[in-house]
Every structure is written in structure tokens, then in C-alpha cells.
Amino acid sequence: MPNPHAATAKAFNALAHPRRITLFHLIRAETPNRPNFGMLLRATKFTPAVLAHHLRVMEKGGLIRRFQVGSFTEFVTLERSYDIQLAPITQILTEPLLKAA
């Protein structure tokens, strides 16, 4: 019998690194165009290999999808996946981090 929490666990794993949380926010941001690999590279200052790794983890976790548009690779968040899999942590992603006491 499949584990009913497997999708949520994959989503948590896909956000289990500060760099992936940063990428998630950048990809989800309201912009006129979908963010592409070059834009994410400039915005984060990650190396191409590091950026590619984190994007692959997020894609396997069901958080994002890539589109090839000509010579550009663009990314979008999967809204349905976000709403279903990440509902338990929506508050964590949308509120500022609590300051340590």
C-alpha cells in the first residue's frame, strides 16, 4: 500500500535547503516573464552546477516544472502541487522567519 504522505515528504525534501527556498521564492515571484536559468543564475550567484542540482531536486519533488523555449530553459512552480503537498508548511513559506530569542 502506498504511503499517503510520500508526496508531502518529497516536497519537504525539495525545500530542505536554504538555496532551494530562495529559488522557490524567485520562481514563484510575480514577473512579466517566466524565470529562466540565466536569470536565476544572475539572481542567486550560484555556480551553474549548483543551480542545476537544486532545480533538479525541486523538479523531482514536484515543486517546479521546466519548459524549453528556444534556447532558454524556463521554470514555473506547480500551483496544484504547492497547494496540496505544501499546505502544512504554507505558513512557514509566507511569514518572516522568527527571530531567535
PDB file of N, CA and C in Angstrom:
ATOM      1  N   MET A   1       0.850  -1.185   0.000  1.00  0.00           N
ATOM      2  CA  MET A   1       0.000   0.000   0.000  1.00  0.00           C
ATOM      3  C   MET A   1       0.897   1.250   0.000  1.00  0.00           C
ATOM      4  N   PRO A   2       0.657   2.181  -0.924  1.00  0.00           N
ATOM      5  CA  PRO A   2       1.492   3.380  -0.976  1.00  0.00           C
ATOM      6  C   PRO A   2       1.300   4.266   0.253  1.00  0.00           C
ATOM      7  N   ASN A   3       2.372   4.906   0.637  1.00  0.00           N
ATOM      8  CA  ASN A   3       2.322   5.811   1.785  1.00  0.00           C
ATOM      9  C   ASN A   3       1.580   7.085   1.391  1.00  0.00           C
ATOM     10  N   PRO A   4       0.531   7.466   2.124  1.00  0.00           N
ATOM     11  CA  PRO A   4      -0.240   8.657   1.754  1.00  0.00           C
ATOM     12  C   PRO A   4       0.547   9.953   1.948  1.00  0.00           C
ATOM     13  N   HIS A   5       1.665   9.885   2.654  1.00  0.00           N
ATOM     14  CA  HIS A   5       2.453  11.081   2.917  1.00  0.00           C
ATOM     15  C   HIS A   5       3.700  11.180   2.039  1.00  0.00           C
ATOM     16  N   ALA A   6       3.832  10.286   1.086  1.00  0.00           N
ATOM     17  CA  ALA A   6       5.038  10.255   0.248  1.00  0.00           C
ATOM     18  C   ALA A   6       5.214  11.560  -0.532  1.00  0.00           C
ATOM     19  N   ALA A   7       4.154  12.095  -1.108  1.00  0.00           N
ATOM     20  CA  ALA A   7       4.253  13.336  -1.890  1.00  0.00           C
ATOM     21  C   ALA A   7       4.654  14.511  -1.006  1.00  0.00           C
ATOM     22  N   THR A   8       4.095  14.569   0.193  1.00  0.00           N
ATOM     23  CA  THR A   8       4.443  15.645   1.115  1.00  0.00           C
ATOM     24  C   THR A   8       5.901  15.525   1.545  1.00  0.00           C
ATOM     25  N   ALA A   9       6.367  14.302   1.793  1.00  0.00           N
ATOM     26  CA  ALA A   9       7.764  14.093   2.173  1.00  0.00           C
ATOM     27  C   ALA A   9       8.704  14.530   1.052  1.00  0.00           C
ATOM     28  N   LYS A  10       8.345  14.231  -0.200  1.00  0.00           N
ATOM     29  CA  LYS A  10       9.163  14.659  -1.336  1.00  0.00           C
ATOM     30  C   LYS A  10       9.209  16.179  -1.417  1.00  0.00           C
ATOM     31  N   ALA A  11       8.079  16.830  -1.165  1.00  0.00           N
ATOM     32  CA  ALA A  11       8.034  18.289  -1.211  1.00  0.00           C
ATOM     33  C   ALA A  11       8.885  18.894  -0.098  1.00  0.00           C
ATOM     34  N   PHE A  12       8.807  18.322   1.100  1.00  0.00           N
ATOM     35  CA  PHE A  12       9.647  18.799   2.199  1.00  0.00           C
ATOM     36  C   PHE A  12      11.118  18.642   1.843  1.00  0.00           C
ATOM     37  N   ASN A  13      11.498  17.510   1.290  1.00  0.00           N
ATOM     38  CA  ASN A  13      12.877  17.281   0.892  1.00  0.00           C
ATOM     39  C   ASN A  13      13.314  18.295  -0.157  1.00  0.00           C
ATOM     40  N   ALA A  14      12.410  18.610  -1.064  1.00  0.00           N
ATOM     41  CA  ALA A  14      12.738  19.560  -2.129  1.00  0.00           C
ATOM     42  C   ALA A  14      12.967  20.972  -1.589  1.00  0.00           C
ATOM     43  N   LEU A  15      12.478  21.266  -0.400  1.00  0.00           N
ATOM     44  CA  LEU A  15      12.684  22.583   0.213  1.00  0.00           C
ATOM     45  C   LEU A  15      13.605  22.522   1.429  1.00  0.00           C
ATOM     46  N   ALA A  16      14.307  21.417   1.592  1.00  0.00           N
ATOM     47  CA  ALA A  16      15.115  21.198   2.794  1.00  0.00           C
ATOM     48  C   ALA A  16      16.484  21.868   2.746  1.00  0.00           C
ATOM     49  N   HIS A  17      16.631  22.858   1.915  1.00  0.00           N
ATOM     50  CA  HIS A  17      17.898  23.576   1.820  1.00  0.00           C
ATOM     51  C   HIS A  17      17.584  25.058   1.613  1.00  0.00           C
ATOM     52  N   PRO A  18      18.304  25.941   2.278  1.00  0.00           N
ATOM     53  CA  PRO A  18      18.029  27.377   2.130  1.00  0.00           C
ATOM     54  C   PRO A  18      18.107  27.866   0.673  1.00  0.00           C
ATOM     55  N   ARG A  19      19.003  27.287  -0.111  1.00  0.00           N
ATOM     56  CA  ARG A  19      19.109  27.706  -1.510  1.00  0.00           C
ATOM     57  C   ARG A  19      17.843  27.352  -2.289  1.00  0.00           C
ATOM     58  N   ARG A  20      17.242  26.211  -1.975  1.00  0.00           N
ATOM     59  CA  ARG A  20      16.018  25.812  -2.686  1.00  0.00           C
ATOM     60  C   ARG A  20      14.839  26.677  -2.263  1.00  0.00           C
ATOM     61  N   ILE A  21      14.813  27.105  -1.024  1.00  0.00           N
ATOM     62  CA  ILE A  21      13.755  28.023  -0.584  1.00  0.00           C
ATOM     63  C   ILE A  21      13.898  29.347  -1.331  1.00  0.00           C
ATOM     64  N   THR A  22      15.127  29.837  -1.468  1.00  0.00           N
ATOM     65  CA  THR A  22      15.382  31.055  -2.233  1.00  0.00           C
ATOM     66  C   THR A  22      14.911  30.890  -3.672  1.00  0.00           C
ATOM     67  N   LEU A  23      15.275  29.779  -4.297  1.00  0.00           N
ATOM     68  CA  LEU A  23      14.858  29.521  -5.677  1.00  0.00           C
ATOM     69  C   LEU A  23      13.339  29.448  -5.796  1.00  0.00           C
ATOM     70  N   PHE A  24      12.696  28.780  -4.840  1.00  0.00           N
ATOM     71  CA  PHE A  24      11.237  28.663  -4.864  1.00  0.00           C
ATOM     72  C   PHE A  24      10.597  30.048  -4.870  1.00  0.00           C
ATOM     73  N   HIS A  25      11.096  30.939  -4.015  1.00  0.00           N
ATOM     74  CA  HIS A  25      10.549  32.297  -3.960  1.00  0.00           C
ATOM     75  C   HIS A  25      10.811  33.048  -5.266  1.00  0.00           C
ATOM     76  N   LEU A  26      11.998  32.895  -5.839  1.00  0.00           N
ATOM     77  CA  LEU A  26      12.314  33.570  -7.101  1.00  0.00           C
ATOM     78  C   LEU A  26      11.431  33.070  -8.244  1.00  0.00           C
ATOM     79  N   ILE A  27      11.224  31.776  -8.309  1.00  0.00           N
ATOM     80  CA  ILE A  27      10.414  31.208  -9.392  1.00  0.00           C
ATOM     81  C   ILE A  27       8.946  31.574  -9.219  1.00  0.00           C
ATOM     82  N   ARG A  28       8.498  31.646  -7.983  1.00  0.00           N
ATOM     83  CA  ARG A  28       7.108  31.960  -7.676  1.00  0.00           C
ATOM     84  C   ARG A  28       6.777  33.451  -7.777  1.00  0.00           C
ATOM     85  N   ALA A  29       7.801  34.301  -7.813  1.00  0.00           N
ATOM     86  CA  ALA A  29       7.591  35.753  -7.803  1.00  0.00           C
ATOM     87  C   ALA A  29       6.783  36.209  -9.016  1.00  0.00           C
ATOM     88  N   GLU A  30       6.025  37.265  -8.818  1.00  0.00           N
ATOM     89  CA  GLU A  30       5.235  37.853  -9.899  1.00  0.00           C
ATOM     90  C   GLU A  30       6.178  38.615 -10.830  1.00  0.00           C
ATOM     91  N   THR A  31       6.402  38.086 -12.010  1.00  0.00           N
ATOM     92  CA  THR A  31       7.242  38.747 -13.005  1.00  0.00           C
ATOM     93  C   THR A  31       6.546  38.652 -14.361  1.00  0.00           C
ATOM     94  N   PRO A  32       6.875  39.569 -15.275  1.00  0.00           N
ATOM     95  CA  PRO A  32       6.222  39.519 -16.588  1.00  0.00           C
ATOM     96  C   PRO A  32       6.572  38.258 -17.382  1.00  0.00           C
ATOM     97  N   ASN A  33       7.755  37.713 -17.159  1.00  0.00           N
ATOM     98  CA  ASN A  33       8.192  36.510 -17.868  1.00  0.00           C
ATOM     99  C   ASN A  33       8.541  35.415 -16.876  1.00  0.00           C
ATOM    100  N   ARG A  34       8.453  34.176 -17.350  1.00  0.00           N
ATOM    101  CA  ARG A  34       8.888  33.069 -16.500  1.00  0.00           C
ATOM    102  C   ARG A  34      10.391  33.179 -16.292  1.00  0.00           C
ATOM    103  N   PRO A  35      10.868  32.931 -15.072  1.00  0.00           N
ATOM    104  CA  PRO A  35      12.318  32.987 -14.851  1.00  0.00           C
ATOM    105  C   PRO A  35      13.024  31.880 -15.629  1.00  0.00           C
ATOM    106  N   ASN A  36      14.168  32.221 -16.190  1.00  0.00           N
ATOM    107  CA  ASN A  36      14.943  31.218 -16.908  1.00  0.00           C
ATOM    108  C   ASN A  36      16.235  30.934 -16.153  1.00  0.00           C
ATOM    109  N   PHE A  37      16.972  29.952 -16.631  1.00  0.00           N
ATOM    110  CA  PHE A  37      18.186  29.515 -15.948  1.00  0.00           C
ATOM    111  C   PHE A  37      19.172  30.671 -15.778  1.00  0.00           C
ATOM    112  N   GLY A  38      19.382  31.453 -16.818  1.00  0.00           N
ATOM    113  CA  GLY A  38      20.326  32.566 -16.743  1.00  0.00           C
ATOM    114  C   GLY A  38      19.911  33.611 -15.730  1.00  0.00           C
ATOM    115  N   MET A  39      18.623  33.933 -15.692  1.00  0.00           N
ATOM    116  CA  MET A  39      18.127  34.900 -14.723  1.00  0.00           C
ATOM    117  C   MET A  39      18.331  34.391 -13.303  1.00  0.00           C
ATOM    118  N   LEU A  40      18.029  33.115 -13.070  1.00  0.00           N
ATOM    119  CA  LEU A  40      18.221  32.538 -11.734  1.00  0.00           C
ATOM    120  C   LEU A  40      19.698  32.498 -11.368  1.00  0.00           C
ATOM    121  N   LEU A  41      20.546  32.247 -12.336  1.00  0.00           N
ATOM    122  CA  LEU A  41      21.990  32.227 -12.116  1.00  0.00           C
ATOM    123  C   LEU A  41      22.475  33.609 -11.677  1.00  0.00           C
ATOM    124  N   ARG A  42      22.021  34.648 -12.365  1.00  0.00           N
ATOM    125  CA  ARG A  42      22.422  36.017 -12.006  1.00  0.00           C
ATOM    126  C   ARG A  42      21.861  36.430 -10.650  1.00  0.00           C
ATOM    127  N   ALA A  43      20.603  36.072 -10.385  1.00  0.00           N
ATOM    128  CA  ALA A  43      19.952  36.489  -9.144  1.00  0.00           C
ATOM    129  C   ALA A  43      20.556  35.814  -7.914  1.00  0.00           C
ATOM    130  N   THR A  44      20.984  34.565  -8.067  1.00  0.00           N
ATOM    131  CA  THR A  44      21.469  33.811  -6.905  1.00  0.00           C
ATOM    132  C   THR A  44      22.979  33.811  -6.765  1.00  0.00           C
ATOM    133  N   LYS A  45      23.691  34.020  -7.876  1.00  0.00           N
ATOM    134  CA  LYS A  45      25.153  33.936  -7.895  1.00  0.00           C
ATOM    135  C   LYS A  45      25.666  32.526  -7.582  1.00  0.00           C
ATOM    136  N   PHE A  46      24.799  31.511  -7.761  1.00  0.00           N
ATOM    137  CA  PHE A  46      25.223  30.114  -7.622  1.00  0.00           C
ATOM    138  C   PHE A  46      26.062  29.757  -8.845  1.00  0.00           C
ATOM    139  N   THR A  47      26.863  28.711  -8.729  1.00  0.00           N
ATOM    140  CA  THR A  47      27.536  28.201  -9.918  1.00  0.00           C
ATOM    141  C   THR A  47      26.490  27.472 -10.761  1.00  0.00           C
ATOM    142  N   PRO A  48      26.717  27.329 -12.065  1.00  0.00           N
ATOM    143  CA  PRO A  48      25.745  26.606 -12.893  1.00  0.00           C
ATOM    144  C   PRO A  48      25.463  25.192 -12.380  1.00  0.00           C
ATOM    145  N   ALA A  49      26.492  24.488 -11.921  1.00  0.00           N
ATOM    146  CA  ALA A  49      26.287  23.122 -11.429  1.00  0.00           C
ATOM    147  C   ALA A  49      25.432  23.098 -10.165  1.00  0.00           C
ATOM    148  N   VAL A  50      25.669  24.025  -9.253  1.00  0.00           N
ATOM    149  CA  VAL A  50      24.891  24.086  -8.011  1.00  0.00           C
ATOM    150  C   VAL A  50      23.440  24.431  -8.329  1.00  0.00           C
ATOM    151  N   LEU A  51      23.235  25.412  -9.206  1.00  0.00           N
ATOM    152  CA  LEU A  51      21.871  25.785  -9.576  1.00  0.00           C
ATOM    153  C   LEU A  51      21.145  24.618 -10.235  1.00  0.00           C
ATOM    154  N   ALA A  52      21.794  23.949 -11.166  1.00  0.00           N
ATOM    155  CA  ALA A  52      21.174  22.811 -11.852  1.00  0.00           C
ATOM    156  C   ALA A  52      20.792  21.715 -10.865  1.00  0.00           C
ATOM    157  N   HIS A  53      21.666  21.443  -9.907  1.00  0.00           N
ATOM    158  CA  HIS A  53      21.380  20.413  -8.896  1.00  0.00           C
ATOM    159  C   HIS A  53      20.120  20.762  -8.112  1.00  0.00           C
ATOM    160  N   HIS A  54      20.053  21.982  -7.592  1.00  0.00           N
ATOM    161  CA  HIS A  54      18.910  22.367  -6.761  1.00  0.00           C
ATOM    162  C   HIS A  54      17.617  22.408  -7.572  1.00  0.00           C
ATOM    163  N   LEU A  55      17.680  22.838  -8.814  1.00  0.00           N
ATOM    164  CA  LEU A  55      16.483  22.835  -9.659  1.00  0.00           C
ATOM    165  C   LEU A  55      16.008  21.410  -9.934  1.00  0.00           C
ATOM    166  N   ARG A  56      16.954  20.489 -10.142  1.00  0.00           N
ATOM    167  CA  ARG A  56      16.574  19.076 -10.360  1.00  0.00           C
ATOM    168  C   ARG A  56      15.877  18.501  -9.128  1.00  0.00           C
ATOM    169  N   VAL A  57      16.406  18.793  -7.944  1.00  0.00           N
ATOM    170  CA  VAL A  57      15.781  18.292  -6.711  1.00  0.00           C
ATOM    171  C   VAL A  57      14.367  18.842  -6.587  1.00  0.00           C
ATOM    172  N   MET A  58      14.192  20.114  -6.879  1.00  0.00           N
ATOM    173  CA  MET A  58      12.868  20.730  -6.789  1.00  0.00           C
ATOM    174  C   MET A  58      11.907  20.152  -7.821  1.00  0.00           C
ATOM    175  N   GLU A  59      12.420  19.861  -9.012  1.00  0.00           N
ATOM    176  CA  GLU A  59      11.573  19.267 -10.049  1.00  0.00           C
ATOM    177  C   GLU A  59      11.166  17.853  -9.656  1.00  0.00           C
ATOM    178  N   LYS A  60      12.096  17.062  -9.159  1.00  0.00           N
ATOM    179  CA  LYS A  60      11.771  15.694  -8.720  1.00  0.00           C
ATOM    180  C   LYS A  60      10.815  15.703  -7.538  1.00  0.00           C
ATOM    181  N   GLY A  61      10.872  16.763  -6.722  1.00  0.00           N
ATOM    182  CA  GLY A  61       9.976  16.885  -5.578  1.00  0.00           C
ATOM    183  C   GLY A  61       8.592  17.385  -5.948  1.00  0.00           C
ATOM    184  N   GLY A  62       8.373  17.672  -7.226  1.00  0.00           N
ATOM    185  CA  GLY A  62       7.056  18.099  -7.679  1.00  0.00           C
ATOM    186  C   GLY A  62       6.737  19.555  -7.420  1.00  0.00           C
ATOM    187  N   LEU A  63       7.763  20.384  -7.179  1.00  0.00           N
ATOM    188  CA  LEU A  63       7.519  21.792  -6.880  1.00  0.00           C
ATOM    189  C   LEU A  63       7.571  22.686  -8.106  1.00  0.00           C
ATOM    190  N   ILE A  64       8.386  22.313  -9.081  1.00  0.00           N
ATOM    191  CA  ILE A  64       8.552  23.145 -10.259  1.00  0.00           C
ATOM    192  C   ILE A  64       8.512  22.293 -11.522  1.00  0.00           C
ATOM    193  N   ARG A  65       8.368  22.988 -12.627  1.00  0.00           N
ATOM    194  CA  ARG A  65       8.429  22.337 -13.934  1.00  0.00           C
ATOM    195  C   ARG A  65       9.272  23.205 -14.846  1.00  0.00           C
ATOM    196  N   ARG A  66      10.040  22.578 -15.712  1.00  0.00           N
ATOM    197  CA  ARG A  66      10.868  23.326 -16.659  1.00  0.00           C
ATOM    198  C   ARG A  66      10.260  23.259 -18.047  1.00  0.00           C
ATOM    199  N   PHE A  67      10.454  24.322 -18.793  1.00  0.00           N
ATOM    200  CA  PHE A  67       9.996  24.424 -20.170  1.00  0.00           C
ATOM    201  C   PHE A  67      11.169  24.874 -21.019  1.00  0.00           C
ATOM    202  N   GLN A  68      11.360  24.231 -22.148  1.00  0.00           N
ATOM    203  CA  GLN A  68      12.384  24.661 -23.096  1.00  0.00           C
ATOM    204  C   GLN A  68      11.716  25.603 -24.082  1.00  0.00           C
ATOM    205  N   VAL A  69      12.164  26.848 -24.128  1.00  0.00           N
ATOM    206  CA  VAL A  69      11.617  27.855 -25.029  1.00  0.00           C
ATOM    207  C   VAL A  69      12.782  28.375 -25.865  1.00  0.00           C
ATOM    208  N   GLY A  70      12.900  27.839 -27.074  1.00  0.00           N
ATOM    209  CA  GLY A  70      14.051  28.165 -27.902  1.00  0.00           C
ATOM    210  C   GLY A  70      15.312  27.671 -27.215  1.00  0.00           C
ATOM    211  N   SER A  71      16.247  28.573 -26.995  1.00  0.00           N
ATOM    212  CA  SER A  71      17.492  28.181 -26.324  1.00  0.00           C
ATOM    213  C   SER A  71      17.436  28.418 -24.822  1.00  0.00           C
ATOM    214  N   PHE A  72      16.286  28.858 -24.299  1.00  0.00           N
ATOM    215  CA  PHE A  72      16.138  29.150 -22.881  1.00  0.00           C
ATOM    216  C   PHE A  72      15.398  28.024 -22.157  1.00  0.00           C
ATOM    217  N   THR A  73      15.796  27.767 -20.915  1.00  0.00           N
ATOM    218  CA  THR A  73      15.071  26.854 -20.042  1.00  0.00           C
ATOM    219  C   THR A  73      14.378  27.703 -18.991  1.00  0.00           C
ATOM    220  N   GLU A  74      13.039  27.692 -19.007  1.00  0.00           N
ATOM    221  CA  GLU A  74      12.245  28.490 -18.079  1.00  0.00           C
ATOM    222  C   GLU A  74      11.605  27.589 -17.030  1.00  0.00           C
ATOM    223  N   PHE A  75      11.245  28.185 -15.887  1.00  0.00           N
ATOM    224  CA  PHE A  75      10.724  27.422 -14.758  1.00  0.00           C
ATOM    225  C   PHE A  75       9.454  28.048 -14.215  1.00  0.00           C
ATOM    226  N   VAL A  76       8.535  27.200 -13.773  1.00  0.00           N
ATOM    227  CA  VAL A  76       7.316  27.643 -13.093  1.00  0.00           C
ATOM    228  C   VAL A  76       7.096  26.737 -11.889  1.00  0.00           C
ATOM    229  N   THR A  77       6.424  27.281 -10.888  1.00  0.00           N
ATOM    230  CA  THR A  77       6.015  26.445  -9.763  1.00  0.00           C
ATOM    231  C   THR A  77       4.737  25.731 -10.153  1.00  0.00           C
ATOM    232  N   LEU A  78       4.525  24.577  -9.607  1.00  0.00           N
ATOM    233  CA  LEU A  78       3.310  23.811  -9.858  1.00  0.00           C
ATOM    234  C   LEU A  78       2.313  24.167  -8.769  1.00  0.00           C
ATOM    235  N   GLU A  79       1.402  25.058  -9.092  1.00  0.00           N
ATOM    236  CA  GLU A  79       0.460  25.578  -8.092  1.00  0.00           C
ATOM    237  C   GLU A  79      -0.376  24.485  -7.437  1.00  0.00           C
ATOM    238  N   ARG A  80      -0.890  23.564  -8.226  1.00  0.00           N
ATOM    239  CA  ARG A  80      -1.716  22.497  -7.644  1.00  0.00           C
ATOM    240  C   ARG A  80      -0.882  21.678  -6.671  1.00  0.00           C
ATOM    241  N   SER A  81       0.327  21.374  -7.070  1.00  0.00           N
ATOM    242  CA  SER A  81       1.223  20.617  -6.207  1.00  0.00           C
ATOM    243  C   SER A  81       1.534  21.413  -4.945  1.00  0.00           C
ATOM    244  N   TYR A  82       1.771  22.675  -5.100  1.00  0.00           N
ATOM    245  CA  TYR A  82       2.064  23.530  -3.946  1.00  0.00           C
ATOM    246  C   TYR A  82       0.904  23.536  -2.963  1.00  0.00           C
ATOM    247  N   ASP A  83      -0.304  23.720  -3.480  1.00  0.00           N
ATOM    248  CA  ASP A  83      -1.472  23.780  -2.605  1.00  0.00           C
ATOM    249  C   ASP A  83      -1.723  22.471  -1.877  1.00  0.00           C
ATOM    250  N   ILE A  84      -1.557  21.351  -2.566  1.00  0.00           N
ATOM    251  CA  ILE A  84      -1.858  20.055  -1.960  1.00  0.00           C
ATOM    252  C   ILE A  84      -0.726  19.567  -1.069  1.00  0.00           C
ATOM    253  N   GLN A  85       0.475  19.514  -1.617  1.00  0.00           N
ATOM    254  CA  GLN A  85       1.590  18.915  -0.898  1.00  0.00           C
ATOM    255  C   GLN A  85       2.152  19.803   0.198  1.00  0.00           C
ATOM    256  N   LEU A  86       2.115  21.111  -0.010  1.00  0.00           N
ATOM    257  CA  LEU A  86       2.782  22.003   0.918  1.00  0.00           C
ATOM    258  C   LEU A  86       1.834  22.759   1.833  1.00  0.00           C
ATOM    259  N   ALA A  87       0.563  22.424   1.805  1.00  0.00           N
ATOM    260  CA  ALA A  87      -0.388  23.123   2.667  1.00  0.00           C
ATOM    261  C   ALA A  87       0.081  23.167   4.122  1.00  0.00           C
ATOM    262  N   PRO A  88       0.669  22.098   4.673  1.00  0.00           N
ATOM    263  CA  PRO A  88       1.103  22.161   6.067  1.00  0.00           C
ATOM    264  C   PRO A  88       2.208  23.172   6.334  1.00  0.00           C
ATOM    265  N   ILE A  89       2.971  23.557   5.309  1.00  0.00           N
ATOM    266  CA  ILE A  89       4.061  24.494   5.559  1.00  0.00           C
ATOM    267  C   ILE A  89       3.873  25.833   4.855  1.00  0.00           C
ATOM    268  N   THR A  90       2.686  26.102   4.364  1.00  0.00           N
ATOM    269  CA  THR A  90       2.425  27.377   3.705  1.00  0.00           C
ATOM    270  C   THR A  90       2.782  28.534   4.618  1.00  0.00           C
ATOM    271  N   GLN A  91       2.442  28.427   5.869  1.00  0.00           N
ATOM    272  CA  GLN A  91       2.714  29.492   6.823  1.00  0.00           C
ATOM    273  C   GLN A  91       4.214  29.736   6.949  1.00  0.00           C
ATOM    274  N   ILE A  92       5.003  28.688   6.942  1.00  0.00           N
ATOM    275  CA  ILE A  92       6.455  28.822   7.051  1.00  0.00           C
ATOM    276  C   ILE A  92       7.001  29.589   5.853  1.00  0.00           C
ATOM    277  N   LEU A  93       6.465  29.336   4.675  1.00  0.00           N
ATOM    278  CA  LEU A  93       6.975  29.964   3.460  1.00  0.00           C
ATOM    279  C   LEU A  93       6.516  31.387   3.282  1.00  0.00           C
ATOM    280  N   THR A  94       5.421  31.773   3.898  1.00  0.00           N
ATOM    281  CA  THR A  94       4.858  33.087   3.649  1.00  0.00           C
ATOM    282  C   THR A  94       5.109  34.088   4.776  1.00  0.00           C
ATOM    283  N   GLU A  95       5.500  33.642   5.950  1.00  0.00           N
ATOM    284  CA  GLU A  95       5.757  34.536   7.060  1.00  0.00           C
ATOM    285  C   GLU A  95       7.254  34.737   7.228  1.00  0.00           C
ATOM    286  N   PRO A  96       7.654  35.913   7.734  1.00  0.00           N
ATOM    287  CA  PRO A  96       9.074  36.123   8.004  1.00  0.00           C
ATOM    288  C   PRO A  96       9.559  35.144   9.074  1.00  0.00           C
ATOM    289  N   LEU A  97      10.827  34.815   9.009  1.00  0.00           N
ATOM    290  CA  LEU A  97      11.391  33.901   9.997  1.00  0.00           C
ATOM    291  C   LEU A  97      11.359  34.558  11.375  1.00  0.00           C
ATOM    292  N   LEU A  98      11.070  33.764  12.386  1.00  0.00           N
ATOM    293  CA  LEU A  98      11.059  34.262  13.760  1.00  0.00           C
ATOM    294  C   LEU A  98      12.474  34.548  14.195  1.00  0.00           C
ATOM    295  N   LYS A  99      12.651  35.628  14.933  1.00  0.00           N
ATOM    296  CA  LYS A  99      13.980  35.948  15.441  1.00  0.00           C
ATOM    297  C   LYS A  99      14.282  35.053  16.630  1.00  0.00           C
ATOM    298  N   ALA A 100      15.535  34.622  16.719  1.00  0.00           N
ATOM    299  CA  ALA A 100      15.948  33.785  17.846  1.00  0.00           C
ATOM    300  C   ALA A 100      15.883  34.617  19.126  1.00  0.00           C
ATOM    301  N   ALA A 101      15.393  33.982  20.166  1.00  0.00           N
ATOM    302  CA  ALA A 101      15.251  34.705  21.448  1.00  0.00           C
ATOM    303  C   ALA A 101      16.570  34.861  22.146  1.00  0.00           C
TER     304      ALA A 101
END
